[in-house]
Amino acid sequence: MVATATPLIHMQGITKVFTTDEMETHALQAIDFDIAAGEYVAIAGPSGCGKTTLLSILGLLDAPSGGQYTLAGQPVAALSAVERARVRNRQIGFIFQAFNLIGDLTVAENVELPLTYRSDLTPADRKDRVARALGRVGMSHRARHYPPQLSGGQQQRVAVARAVAGDPAILLADEPTGNLDSKNGEAVMELLQELNAGGATICMVTHDERYARHAGRQVHLFDGRVADAAASVTAMA
């Protein structure tokens, strides 16, 4: 579902060069890339093609070597380190392959943790957001459990709840099925589709074409360049 034609994310001429004493590696070359609010986009391609590098730049975890990146109408290059951290916390939700849950915190505490850094939310606001987020992913009944007590699929659902609890402008998912079997992988894909149908904007990195087809649009990278961008047949069906 695409809510508006105005890009939420606009990238023009994005490059990323990693330099060592011996060589330069051009990870990204002249990337032009837009995501509209409400879109579900999959960034696909073989290992080493630049997918994770692009996602890191999208999530403000890294900066490009060149080009322009605009998020919600704001040029990212103009942001200070403090402002970048604030944007990451409030506008971007991250879903990682390794879940990144804290084992000695409960499910509810893991989901609430990023919200504790927001001065605009009261403790009651945070509790309400946690409850709603866990409800969205079907994990309300596990709120008092700890991550080691959950299956891999359940841990990823908690990770998704943590990502959506802050009502971010965009969800960035880095190989979210990478540590799951095929059954749990499909369940997570269905969950992301449900979130997108509810209005969430999603950008997912995957090397698996089966999962890429769940997105509304696929952007294929090869050797750091956009090789192809097309609508997903599965998503359109």
Protein backbone atom coordinates (compact mmCIF):
# COMPACT_ATOMS: atom_id res chain seq x y z
CA MET A 1 0.00 0.00 0.00
CA VAL A 2 1.43 3.40 -0.95
CA ALA A 3 -0.01 6.30 1.01
CA THR A 4 1.53 9.15 -0.94
CA ALA A 5 3.62 9.80 -4.05
CA THR A 6 5.99 12.07 -2.07
CA PRO A 7 9.10 10.04 -1.16
CA LEU A 8 9.64 9.40 2.52
CA ILE A 9 13.20 8.46 1.60
CA HIS A 10 15.08 10.01 -1.31
CA MET A 11 18.61 9.00 -2.26
CA GLN A 12 20.46 10.50 -5.20
CA GLY A 13 23.93 9.55 -6.38
CA ILE A 14 24.78 7.70 -3.16
CA THR A 15 28.27 6.22 -3.04
CA LYS A 16 30.18 4.44 -0.31
CA VAL A 17 33.92 3.83 -0.46
CA PHE A 18 35.83 1.88 2.17
CA THR A 19 39.53 2.78 2.17
CA THR A 20 42.46 0.86 3.64
CA ASP A 21 46.20 1.36 3.29
CA GLU A 22 46.24 -1.04 0.37
CA MET A 23 43.03 -0.48 -1.58
CA GLU A 24 39.68 1.21 -2.07
CA THR A 25 36.46 -0.80 -2.09
CA HIS A 26 33.49 0.82 -3.83
CA ALA A 27 30.60 -0.75 -1.91
CA LEU A 28 27.91 1.50 -3.44
CA GLN A 29 28.07 3.36 -6.74
CA ALA A 30 25.63 6.06 -7.91
CA ILE A 31 22.58 4.71 -6.08
CA ASP A 32 19.30 6.50 -6.89
CA PHE A 33 16.58 5.17 -4.62
CA ASP A 34 13.20 6.35 -3.32
CA ILE A 35 10.72 4.87 -0.86
CA ALA A 36 7.22 6.31 -0.56
CA ALA A 37 5.33 6.31 2.72
CA GLY A 38 3.37 3.06 3.00
CA GLU A 39 5.61 1.07 0.65
CA TYR A 40 7.10 -2.35 1.35
CA VAL A 41 10.42 -2.60 -0.48
CA ALA A 42 12.85 -5.54 -0.58
CA ILE A 43 16.52 -4.90 -1.32
CA ALA A 44 17.74 -8.17 -2.82
CA GLY A 45 20.95 -9.48 -4.28
CA PRO A 46 23.89 -11.83 -3.65
CA SER A 47 26.26 -11.58 -0.70
CA GLY A 48 28.68 -8.69 -1.03
CA CYS A 49 26.53 -6.64 -3.41
CA GLY A 50 26.06 -3.72 -0.97
CA LYS A 51 22.66 -4.53 0.59
CA THR A 52 23.69 -4.20 4.24
CA THR A 53 25.81 -1.13 3.49
CA LEU A 54 22.79 0.56 1.92
CA LEU A 55 20.59 -0.39 4.88
CA SER A 56 23.16 1.01 7.31
CA ILE A 57 23.09 4.33 5.48
CA LEU A 58 19.27 4.30 5.40
CA GLY A 59 19.26 3.72 9.17
CA LEU A 60 21.82 6.47 9.87
CA LEU A 61 24.24 3.91 11.24
CA ASP A 62 26.76 4.94 8.58
CA ALA A 63 27.24 7.94 6.29
CA PRO A 64 27.68 7.84 2.51
CA SER A 65 30.92 8.93 0.89
CA GLY A 66 28.95 11.00 -1.60
CA GLY A 67 25.45 11.82 -2.79
CA GLN A 68 22.33 13.15 -1.07
CA TYR A 69 20.05 11.38 1.38
CA THR A 70 16.78 13.02 2.44
CA LEU A 71 14.56 11.46 5.12
CA ALA A 72 11.04 12.89 5.58
CA GLY A 73 12.11 16.02 3.73
CA GLN A 74 15.22 16.60 5.86
CA PRO A 75 18.74 16.32 4.40
CA VAL A 76 20.55 13.81 6.59
CA ALA A 77 24.02 15.25 5.97
CA ALA A 78 23.09 18.39 7.92
CA LEU A 79 22.32 16.46 11.12
CA SER A 80 24.70 16.46 14.07
CA ALA A 81 25.58 13.20 15.83
CA VAL A 82 23.02 13.96 18.56
CA GLU A 83 20.34 14.74 15.98
CA ARG A 84 21.10 11.55 14.06
CA ALA A 85 20.67 9.51 17.23
CA ARG A 86 17.36 11.24 17.92
CA VAL A 87 16.09 10.51 14.40
CA ARG A 88 17.15 6.86 14.72
CA ASN A 89 15.27 6.54 17.99
CA ARG A 90 12.06 8.25 16.88
CA GLN A 91 11.74 7.73 13.13
CA ILE A 92 13.48 4.41 12.40
CA GLY A 93 12.65 0.94 13.69
CA PHE A 94 15.31 -1.76 13.32
CA ILE A 95 14.70 -5.50 12.96
CA PHE A 96 17.93 -7.52 13.04
CA GLN A 97 18.76 -11.03 11.93
CA ALA A 98 20.17 -11.89 15.38
CA PHE A 99 17.12 -10.49 17.28
CA ASN A 100 19.42 -8.48 19.65
CA LEU A 101 17.22 -9.05 22.69
CA ILE A 102 18.66 -8.71 26.20
CA GLY A 103 18.41 -12.05 27.93
CA ASP A 104 17.95 -10.82 31.51
CA LEU A 105 15.12 -8.41 30.60
CA THR A 106 11.55 -9.59 30.16
CA VAL A 107 9.82 -9.41 26.79
CA ALA A 108 7.98 -6.26 27.89
CA GLU A 109 11.19 -4.67 29.18
CA ASN A 110 12.99 -5.41 25.90
CA VAL A 111 10.22 -3.74 23.92
CA GLU A 112 10.16 -0.75 26.26
CA LEU A 113 13.92 -0.18 26.35
CA PRO A 114 14.25 2.12 23.29
CA LEU A 115 11.29 4.15 24.55
CA THR A 116 13.06 4.96 27.83
CA TYR A 117 15.36 7.32 25.90
CA ARG A 118 12.42 9.46 24.77
CA SER A 119 11.67 12.46 26.95
CA ASP A 120 8.31 13.00 25.25
CA LEU A 121 6.85 9.77 26.69
CA THR A 122 5.66 9.26 30.26
CA PRO A 123 6.02 5.84 31.94
CA ALA A 124 2.30 5.30 31.33
CA ASP A 125 2.74 6.18 27.63
CA ARG A 126 5.58 3.66 27.37
CA LYS A 127 3.57 0.88 29.01
CA ASP A 128 0.65 1.56 26.67
CA ARG A 129 2.89 1.45 23.59
CA VAL A 130 4.50 -1.79 24.76
CA ALA A 131 1.10 -3.42 25.27
CA ARG A 132 -0.12 -2.30 21.83
CA ALA A 133 3.08 -3.43 20.10
CA LEU A 134 3.00 -6.88 21.70
CA GLY A 135 -0.66 -7.18 20.75
CA ARG A 136 0.15 -6.37 17.12
CA VAL A 137 2.64 -9.26 16.90
CA GLY A 138 0.59 -11.75 18.94
CA MET A 139 2.98 -11.86 21.90
CA SER A 140 0.95 -10.27 24.71
CA HIS A 141 0.81 -13.59 26.54
CA ARG A 142 4.61 -13.72 26.69
CA ALA A 143 5.15 -10.22 28.15
CA ARG A 144 6.65 -11.51 31.42
CA HIS A 145 8.79 -14.23 29.86
CA TYR A 146 12.49 -13.89 29.09
CA PRO A 147 14.05 -14.30 25.61
CA PRO A 148 15.75 -17.65 26.42
CA GLN A 149 12.28 -19.04 27.18
CA LEU A 150 11.07 -18.27 23.65
CA SER A 151 11.52 -19.97 20.29
CA GLY A 152 13.46 -18.22 17.54
CA GLY A 153 10.24 -17.21 15.79
CA GLN A 154 8.83 -15.78 19.02
CA GLN A 155 12.04 -13.83 19.68
CA GLN A 156 11.83 -12.28 16.22
CA ARG A 157 8.22 -11.29 16.89
CA VAL A 158 9.38 -9.55 20.06
CA ALA A 159 12.10 -7.81 18.03
CA VAL A 160 9.42 -6.62 15.59
CA ALA A 161 7.32 -5.36 18.52
CA ARG A 162 10.32 -3.42 19.81
CA ALA A 163 10.78 -1.88 16.37
CA VAL A 164 7.15 -0.76 15.97
CA ALA A 165 6.54 0.40 19.55
CA GLY A 166 7.90 3.87 18.86
CA ASP A 167 5.64 4.37 15.80
CA PRO A 168 8.63 4.96 13.47
CA ALA A 169 8.35 6.44 10.00
CA ILE A 170 10.04 3.36 8.54
CA LEU A 171 10.98 -0.18 9.58
CA LEU A 172 14.36 -1.45 8.40
CA ALA A 173 14.70 -5.24 8.46
CA ASP A 174 18.14 -6.79 7.91
CA GLU A 175 17.73 -10.45 6.87
CA PRO A 176 14.91 -10.89 9.45
CA THR A 177 14.49 -14.59 8.58
CA GLY A 178 18.21 -15.42 8.59
CA ASN A 179 18.17 -17.27 11.93
CA LEU A 180 14.79 -18.95 11.42
CA ASP A 181 13.61 -22.18 9.83
CA SER A 182 11.36 -21.94 6.78
CA LYS A 183 8.11 -22.20 8.78
CA ASN A 184 9.03 -19.38 11.19
CA GLY A 185 10.52 -17.40 8.32
CA GLU A 186 7.21 -17.46 6.47
CA ALA A 187 5.40 -16.48 9.68
CA VAL A 188 7.62 -13.41 10.06
CA MET A 189 7.02 -12.51 6.41
CA GLU A 190 3.27 -12.71 6.97
CA LEU A 191 3.65 -10.47 10.02
CA LEU A 192 5.54 -7.85 8.02
CA GLN A 193 2.85 -7.95 5.33
CA GLU A 194 0.18 -7.41 8.00
CA LEU A 195 2.09 -4.43 9.39
CA ASN A 196 2.44 -2.99 5.89
CA ALA A 197 -1.29 -3.49 5.24
CA GLY A 198 -1.84 -1.50 8.44
CA GLY A 199 0.19 1.41 7.06
CA ALA A 200 3.78 0.61 8.05
CA THR A 201 6.58 1.55 5.64
CA ILE A 202 9.10 -1.30 5.40
CA CYS A 203 12.48 -1.74 3.75
CA MET A 204 13.87 -5.26 4.04
CA VAL A 205 17.25 -6.65 3.01
CA THR A 206 17.26 -10.29 1.93
CA HIS A 207 19.33 -12.60 -0.24
CA ASP A 208 16.41 -15.04 -0.52
CA GLU A 209 14.17 -14.48 -3.55
CA ARG A 210 11.32 -16.36 -1.84
CA TYR A 211 11.09 -13.70 0.84
CA ALA A 212 11.79 -10.77 -1.50
CA ARG A 213 8.60 -11.64 -3.39
CA HIS A 214 6.54 -10.81 -0.29
CA ALA A 215 7.37 -7.12 -0.77
CA GLY A 216 5.44 -4.78 -3.01
CA ARG A 217 8.63 -3.78 -4.86
CA GLN A 218 12.03 -5.37 -5.27
CA VAL A 219 15.27 -3.47 -5.78
CA HIS A 220 18.10 -5.74 -6.93
CA LEU A 221 21.69 -4.74 -6.27
CA PHE A 222 24.72 -6.12 -8.08
CA ASP A 223 28.29 -4.97 -7.47
CA GLY A 224 27.07 -1.91 -5.57
CA ARG A 225 24.66 -0.71 -8.26
CA VAL A 226 20.91 -0.93 -8.75
CA ALA A 227 20.52 -3.67 -11.35
CA ASP A 228 16.74 -3.81 -11.43
CA ALA A 229 13.68 -2.46 -9.63
CA ALA A 230 10.29 -4.04 -10.18
CA ALA A 231 6.97 -4.72 -8.51
CA SER A 232 6.63 -8.10 -6.82
CA VAL A 233 4.30 -10.54 -8.57
CA THR A 234 3.47 -12.26 -5.26
CA ALA A 235 2.57 -8.99 -3.53
CA MET A 236 0.38 -7.92 -6.45
CA ALA A 237 -1.46 -11.23 -6.67
